[in-house]
Amino acid sequence: QVQLVESGGGLVQAGGSLRLSCAASGRTFSIYAMGWFRQAPGKEREFVARISWSGGNTNYADSVKGRFTISSDNAKNTLFLQMNSLKPEDTAVYYCAAGRSKWGADIRSYEYWGQGTQVTVSS
């Protein structure tokens, strides 16, 4: 099992920045890829960004490309999401996820999930 704990969410004005963190523990050696997803009220959970745990390959949703940066500190088993130029439509609960074997942008590619952290962007 892998346990994931997110932190860093909060309230920010449009145009501002936030940095989310996700601390992984447990069988972290089994992680193949990690990702960030988000879910706004009344909407389905959607892909934001992903990173391969060993090679550092990254991929982003079009809606955040150029504004968000996913990174990791493998020595500390920590995943990050730097969010710049935030917009009100970025308001959502942000979830960290870890997968054992797939390089996917869909929910089914990830077996482990954190509890989520709220990000609210005011206009």
N, C-alpha and C. Protein backbone atom coordinates (compact mmCIF):
# COMPACT_ATOMS: atom_id res chain seq x y z
N GLN A 1 0.83 -1.20 0.00
CA GLN A 1 0.00 0.00 0.00
C GLN A 1 0.87 1.25 0.00
N VAL A 2 0.32 2.30 -0.59
CA VAL A 2 0.96 3.61 -0.60
C VAL A 2 -0.02 4.60 0.00
N GLN A 3 0.47 5.40 0.93
CA GLN A 3 -0.36 6.44 1.53
C GLN A 3 0.08 7.79 0.99
N LEU A 4 -0.91 8.63 0.69
CA LEU A 4 -0.65 9.95 0.11
C LEU A 4 -1.35 11.02 0.94
N VAL A 5 -0.62 12.08 1.26
CA VAL A 5 -1.18 13.18 2.03
C VAL A 5 -0.84 14.50 1.33
N GLU A 6 -1.89 15.21 0.90
CA GLU A 6 -1.69 16.49 0.23
C GLU A 6 -1.68 17.64 1.24
N SER A 7 -1.04 18.72 0.85
CA SER A 7 -1.06 19.95 1.64
C SER A 7 -0.79 21.13 0.71
N GLY A 8 -1.05 22.32 1.23
CA GLY A 8 -0.72 23.52 0.47
C GLY A 8 -1.88 24.24 -0.16
N GLY A 9 -3.07 23.68 -0.06
CA GLY A 9 -4.22 24.37 -0.63
C GLY A 9 -4.59 25.61 0.16
N GLY A 10 -5.50 26.40 -0.39
CA GLY A 10 -5.94 27.60 0.31
C GLY A 10 -6.72 28.52 -0.59
N LEU A 11 -6.89 29.74 -0.13
CA LEU A 11 -7.61 30.77 -0.85
C LEU A 11 -6.61 31.76 -1.43
N VAL A 12 -6.75 32.05 -2.72
CA VAL A 12 -5.84 32.97 -3.39
C VAL A 12 -6.62 33.80 -4.39
N GLN A 13 -6.15 35.00 -4.66
CA GLN A 13 -6.80 35.84 -5.66
C GLN A 13 -6.38 35.42 -7.06
N ALA A 14 -7.23 35.72 -8.01
CA ALA A 14 -6.91 35.43 -9.40
C ALA A 14 -5.57 36.08 -9.76
N GLY A 15 -4.75 35.32 -10.50
CA GLY A 15 -3.43 35.78 -10.86
C GLY A 15 -2.35 35.37 -9.88
N GLY A 16 -2.76 34.86 -8.73
CA GLY A 16 -1.82 34.46 -7.70
C GLY A 16 -1.26 33.06 -7.92
N SER A 17 -0.49 32.60 -6.94
CA SER A 17 0.18 31.31 -7.03
C SER A 17 -0.03 30.50 -5.76
N LEU A 18 0.03 29.19 -5.92
CA LEU A 18 0.02 28.25 -4.80
C LEU A 18 0.92 27.09 -5.17
N ARG A 19 1.48 26.45 -4.15
CA ARG A 19 2.28 25.25 -4.37
C ARG A 19 1.70 24.12 -3.52
N LEU A 20 1.22 23.09 -4.20
CA LEU A 20 0.70 21.92 -3.52
C LEU A 20 1.81 20.89 -3.33
N SER A 21 1.74 20.17 -2.22
CA SER A 21 2.68 19.09 -1.95
C SER A 21 1.90 17.81 -1.67
N CYS A 22 2.53 16.69 -1.95
CA CYS A 22 1.94 15.39 -1.67
C CYS A 22 3.03 14.48 -1.14
N ALA A 23 2.91 14.10 0.12
CA ALA A 23 3.89 13.22 0.74
C ALA A 23 3.45 11.77 0.61
N ALA A 24 4.31 10.95 0.04
CA ALA A 24 4.01 9.54 -0.14
C ALA A 24 4.76 8.71 0.90
N SER A 25 4.10 7.68 1.39
CA SER A 25 4.74 6.76 2.35
C SER A 25 4.24 5.35 2.08
N GLY A 26 4.89 4.39 2.72
CA GLY A 26 4.53 3.00 2.51
C GLY A 26 5.40 2.38 1.43
N ARG A 27 4.80 1.61 0.54
CA ARG A 27 5.53 0.90 -0.50
C ARG A 27 5.81 1.82 -1.69
N THR A 28 6.54 2.87 -1.44
CA THR A 28 6.80 3.87 -2.49
C THR A 28 7.67 3.32 -3.62
N PHE A 29 8.38 2.24 -3.37
CA PHE A 29 9.21 1.65 -4.42
C PHE A 29 8.35 1.09 -5.55
N SER A 30 7.07 0.88 -5.27
CA SER A 30 6.18 0.31 -6.27
C SER A 30 5.57 1.37 -7.19
N ILE A 31 5.85 2.64 -6.94
CA ILE A 31 5.24 3.72 -7.73
C ILE A 31 5.89 3.81 -9.10
N TYR A 32 5.06 3.85 -10.14
CA TYR A 32 5.53 4.02 -11.51
C TYR A 32 5.29 5.45 -11.99
N ALA A 33 4.16 6.00 -11.64
CA ALA A 33 3.82 7.37 -12.03
C ALA A 33 2.94 8.00 -10.97
N MET A 34 2.99 9.33 -10.91
CA MET A 34 2.12 10.06 -10.00
C MET A 34 1.43 11.18 -10.76
N GLY A 35 0.31 11.58 -10.25
CA GLY A 35 -0.44 12.62 -10.94
C GLY A 35 -1.23 13.49 -10.00
N TRP A 36 -1.69 14.60 -10.55
CA TRP A 36 -2.63 15.49 -9.87
C TRP A 36 -3.93 15.51 -10.66
N PHE A 37 -5.02 15.40 -9.93
CA PHE A 37 -6.35 15.52 -10.50
C PHE A 37 -7.10 16.58 -9.69
N ARG A 38 -8.20 17.06 -10.23
CA ARG A 38 -9.02 18.02 -9.49
C ARG A 38 -10.49 17.76 -9.76
N GLN A 39 -11.29 18.18 -8.79
CA GLN A 39 -12.74 18.01 -8.92
C GLN A 39 -13.44 19.24 -8.39
N ALA A 40 -14.14 19.90 -9.27
CA ALA A 40 -14.93 21.08 -8.91
C ALA A 40 -16.34 20.63 -8.53
N PRO A 41 -17.06 21.43 -7.75
CA PRO A 41 -18.42 21.05 -7.35
C PRO A 41 -19.30 20.75 -8.55
N GLY A 42 -19.96 19.61 -8.51
CA GLY A 42 -20.88 19.25 -9.57
C GLY A 42 -20.22 18.72 -10.84
N LYS A 43 -18.91 18.59 -10.81
CA LYS A 43 -18.19 18.12 -12.00
C LYS A 43 -17.43 16.83 -11.70
N GLU A 44 -17.06 16.14 -12.75
CA GLU A 44 -16.27 14.92 -12.60
C GLU A 44 -14.81 15.27 -12.28
N ARG A 45 -14.13 14.31 -11.66
CA ARG A 45 -12.72 14.48 -11.39
C ARG A 45 -11.96 14.49 -12.72
N GLU A 46 -11.05 15.45 -12.88
CA GLU A 46 -10.34 15.57 -14.14
C GLU A 46 -8.82 15.59 -13.94
N PHE A 47 -8.14 15.13 -14.96
CA PHE A 47 -6.69 15.09 -14.98
C PHE A 47 -6.12 16.50 -15.04
N VAL A 48 -5.03 16.72 -14.28
CA VAL A 48 -4.32 18.00 -14.30
C VAL A 48 -2.90 17.82 -14.84
N ALA A 49 -2.15 16.91 -14.22
CA ALA A 49 -0.75 16.72 -14.63
C ALA A 49 -0.26 15.36 -14.13
N ARG A 50 0.77 14.83 -14.75
CA ARG A 50 1.35 13.57 -14.33
C ARG A 50 2.85 13.59 -14.53
N ILE A 51 3.54 12.71 -13.80
CA ILE A 51 4.99 12.61 -13.88
C ILE A 51 5.39 11.16 -13.68
N SER A 52 6.34 10.71 -14.49
CA SER A 52 6.87 9.36 -14.28
C SER A 52 7.84 9.42 -13.11
N TRP A 53 7.74 8.47 -12.22
CA TRP A 53 8.46 8.56 -10.95
C TRP A 53 9.96 8.40 -11.12
N SER A 54 10.40 7.61 -12.10
CA SER A 54 11.82 7.38 -12.26
C SER A 54 12.45 8.30 -13.30
N GLY A 55 11.78 8.54 -14.39
CA GLY A 55 12.37 9.30 -15.48
C GLY A 55 12.04 10.77 -15.51
N GLY A 56 11.00 11.17 -14.75
CA GLY A 56 10.66 12.58 -14.72
C GLY A 56 9.90 13.09 -15.92
N ASN A 57 9.42 12.20 -16.79
CA ASN A 57 8.59 12.67 -17.90
C ASN A 57 7.31 13.29 -17.35
N THR A 58 6.86 14.36 -17.99
CA THR A 58 5.68 15.06 -17.52
C THR A 58 4.67 15.27 -18.64
N ASN A 59 3.43 15.50 -18.23
CA ASN A 59 2.35 15.74 -19.19
C ASN A 59 1.29 16.56 -18.47
N TYR A 60 0.65 17.48 -19.22
CA TYR A 60 -0.32 18.40 -18.62
C TYR A 60 -1.62 18.44 -19.39
N ALA A 61 -2.68 18.73 -18.68
CA ALA A 61 -3.94 19.05 -19.35
C ALA A 61 -3.78 20.38 -20.07
N ASP A 62 -4.46 20.54 -21.19
CA ASP A 62 -4.35 21.77 -21.96
C ASP A 62 -4.74 22.99 -21.13
N SER A 63 -5.68 22.81 -20.22
CA SER A 63 -6.21 23.93 -19.45
C SER A 63 -5.18 24.52 -18.47
N VAL A 64 -4.13 23.77 -18.15
CA VAL A 64 -3.15 24.26 -17.18
C VAL A 64 -1.75 24.39 -17.79
N LYS A 65 -1.60 23.97 -19.02
CA LYS A 65 -0.28 24.00 -19.66
C LYS A 65 0.26 25.43 -19.70
N GLY A 66 1.51 25.57 -19.28
CA GLY A 66 2.14 26.89 -19.25
C GLY A 66 1.92 27.63 -17.95
N ARG A 67 1.00 27.18 -17.12
CA ARG A 67 0.73 27.82 -15.82
C ARG A 67 1.11 26.94 -14.65
N PHE A 68 0.93 25.63 -14.78
CA PHE A 68 1.22 24.69 -13.70
C PHE A 68 2.47 23.89 -14.03
N THR A 69 3.21 23.53 -12.99
CA THR A 69 4.40 22.70 -13.16
C THR A 69 4.38 21.58 -12.12
N ILE A 70 4.45 20.35 -12.60
CA ILE A 70 4.54 19.19 -11.72
C ILE A 70 6.00 18.80 -11.56
N SER A 71 6.39 18.45 -10.34
CA SER A 71 7.76 18.03 -10.08
C SER A 71 7.76 17.08 -8.89
N SER A 72 8.92 16.48 -8.67
CA SER A 72 9.02 15.53 -7.56
C SER A 72 10.39 15.57 -6.92
N ASP A 73 10.42 15.23 -5.66
CA ASP A 73 11.67 15.02 -4.93
C ASP A 73 11.64 13.56 -4.51
N ASN A 74 12.23 12.70 -5.33
CA ASN A 74 12.13 11.28 -5.09
C ASN A 74 12.81 10.87 -3.77
N ALA A 75 13.87 11.56 -3.40
CA ALA A 75 14.57 11.23 -2.16
C ALA A 75 13.67 11.43 -0.95
N LYS A 76 12.75 12.38 -1.08
CA LYS A 76 11.82 12.66 0.02
C LYS A 76 10.42 12.13 -0.25
N ASN A 77 10.28 11.38 -1.36
CA ASN A 77 8.97 10.80 -1.72
C ASN A 77 7.87 11.86 -1.71
N THR A 78 8.16 12.97 -2.32
CA THR A 78 7.22 14.09 -2.32
C THR A 78 6.95 14.56 -3.74
N LEU A 79 5.70 14.81 -4.02
CA LEU A 79 5.24 15.33 -5.30
C LEU A 79 4.78 16.77 -5.10
N PHE A 80 5.02 17.61 -6.12
CA PHE A 80 4.64 19.01 -6.03
C PHE A 80 3.80 19.42 -7.24
N LEU A 81 3.02 20.46 -7.04
CA LEU A 81 2.33 21.11 -8.15
C LEU A 81 2.42 22.61 -7.92
N GLN A 82 3.25 23.28 -8.71
CA GLN A 82 3.36 24.72 -8.65
C GLN A 82 2.31 25.30 -9.58
N MET A 83 1.42 26.11 -9.02
CA MET A 83 0.32 26.69 -9.79
C MET A 83 0.47 28.19 -9.83
N ASN A 84 0.68 28.72 -11.03
CA ASN A 84 0.83 30.16 -11.23
C ASN A 84 -0.32 30.69 -12.08
N SER A 85 -0.48 31.99 -12.07
CA SER A 85 -1.53 32.64 -12.87
C SER A 85 -2.87 31.96 -12.67
N LEU A 86 -3.22 31.74 -11.43
CA LEU A 86 -4.44 31.02 -11.12
C LEU A 86 -5.69 31.79 -11.56
N LYS A 87 -6.69 31.02 -11.98
CA LYS A 87 -7.95 31.57 -12.46
C LYS A 87 -9.08 31.04 -11.58
N PRO A 88 -10.20 31.75 -11.52
CA PRO A 88 -11.34 31.24 -10.74
C PRO A 88 -11.76 29.83 -11.16
N GLU A 89 -11.63 29.51 -12.43
CA GLU A 89 -12.02 28.17 -12.90
C GLU A 89 -11.05 27.08 -12.43
N ASP A 90 -9.96 27.45 -11.79
CA ASP A 90 -9.06 26.45 -11.19
C ASP A 90 -9.56 26.01 -9.81
N THR A 91 -10.59 26.65 -9.31
CA THR A 91 -11.14 26.30 -8.00
C THR A 91 -11.65 24.87 -8.00
N ALA A 92 -11.14 24.08 -7.07
CA ALA A 92 -11.50 22.65 -7.01
C ALA A 92 -10.79 22.02 -5.81
N VAL A 93 -11.18 20.80 -5.52
CA VAL A 93 -10.39 19.97 -4.62
C VAL A 93 -9.34 19.26 -5.46
N TYR A 94 -8.09 19.38 -5.06
CA TYR A 94 -6.99 18.80 -5.81
C TYR A 94 -6.53 17.51 -5.12
N TYR A 95 -6.42 16.45 -5.92
CA TYR A 95 -6.04 15.14 -5.41
C TYR A 95 -4.71 14.69 -6.00
N CYS A 96 -3.91 14.11 -5.15
CA CYS A 96 -2.68 13.46 -5.55
C CYS A 96 -2.98 11.98 -5.77
N ALA A 97 -2.35 11.38 -6.78
CA ALA A 97 -2.59 9.97 -7.08
C ALA A 97 -1.30 9.28 -7.46
N ALA A 98 -1.22 7.99 -7.17
CA ALA A 98 -0.04 7.20 -7.52
C ALA A 98 -0.48 5.91 -8.19
N GLY A 99 0.27 5.54 -9.22
CA GLY A 99 -0.04 4.32 -9.96
C GLY A 99 1.15 3.39 -9.99
N ARG A 100 0.87 2.09 -10.05
CA ARG A 100 1.94 1.09 -9.98
C ARG A 100 2.50 0.73 -11.35
N SER A 101 1.71 0.90 -12.42
CA SER A 101 2.20 0.32 -13.67
C SER A 101 1.83 1.07 -14.95
N LYS A 102 0.97 2.07 -14.87
CA LYS A 102 0.49 2.67 -16.11
C LYS A 102 0.89 4.14 -16.22
N TRP A 103 1.07 4.56 -17.45
CA TRP A 103 1.34 5.98 -17.74
C TRP A 103 0.07 6.53 -18.36
N GLY A 104 -0.87 6.89 -17.50
CA GLY A 104 -2.17 7.29 -18.02
C GLY A 104 -2.63 8.62 -17.46
N ALA A 105 -3.56 9.23 -18.17
CA ALA A 105 -4.16 10.49 -17.72
C ALA A 105 -5.59 10.26 -17.24
N ASP A 106 -5.95 9.01 -17.03
CA ASP A 106 -7.30 8.71 -16.57
C ASP A 106 -7.25 8.17 -15.14
N ILE A 107 -8.37 8.29 -14.47
CA ILE A 107 -8.46 7.90 -13.06
C ILE A 107 -8.09 6.44 -12.86
N ARG A 108 -8.46 5.59 -13.82
CA ARG A 108 -8.25 4.15 -13.66
C ARG A 108 -6.79 3.76 -13.68
N SER A 109 -5.90 4.66 -14.09
CA SER A 109 -4.47 4.34 -14.13
C SER A 109 -3.80 4.46 -12.77
N TYR A 110 -4.54 4.95 -11.77
CA TYR A 110 -3.96 5.22 -10.47
C TYR A 110 -4.69 4.43 -9.38
N GLU A 111 -3.91 3.69 -8.59
CA GLU A 111 -4.50 2.85 -7.54
C GLU A 111 -4.62 3.55 -6.20
N TYR A 112 -3.79 4.54 -5.96
CA TYR A 112 -3.74 5.17 -4.64
C TYR A 112 -4.09 6.66 -4.76
N TRP A 113 -4.85 7.14 -3.78
CA TRP A 113 -5.33 8.52 -3.81
C TRP A 113 -5.19 9.16 -2.43
N GLY A 114 -4.88 10.46 -2.44
CA GLY A 114 -4.90 11.22 -1.21
C GLY A 114 -6.31 11.69 -0.89
N GLN A 115 -6.43 12.41 0.21
CA GLN A 115 -7.75 12.85 0.67
C GLN A 115 -8.19 14.16 0.00
N GLY A 116 -7.26 14.84 -0.65
CA GLY A 116 -7.59 16.06 -1.36
C GLY A 116 -7.30 17.31 -0.55
N THR A 117 -7.03 18.40 -1.26
CA THR A 117 -6.82 19.70 -0.62
C THR A 117 -7.56 20.74 -1.44
N GLN A 118 -8.27 21.64 -0.75
CA GLN A 118 -9.11 22.62 -1.42
C GLN A 118 -8.29 23.80 -1.92
N VAL A 119 -8.52 24.15 -3.17
CA VAL A 119 -7.94 25.36 -3.76
C VAL A 119 -9.10 26.24 -4.20
N THR A 120 -9.13 27.46 -3.70
CA THR A 120 -10.18 28.41 -4.07
C THR A 120 -9.53 29.67 -4.62
N VAL A 121 -9.92 30.04 -5.83
CA VAL A 121 -9.38 31.22 -6.49
C VAL A 121 -10.50 32.25 -6.61
N SER A 122 -10.32 33.39 -5.97
CA SER A 122 -11.35 34.43 -6.01
C SER A 122 -11.07 35.40 -7.16
N SER A 123 -12.15 35.94 -7.70
CA SER A 123 -12.01 36.86 -8.84
C SER A 123 -11.88 38.30 -8.38
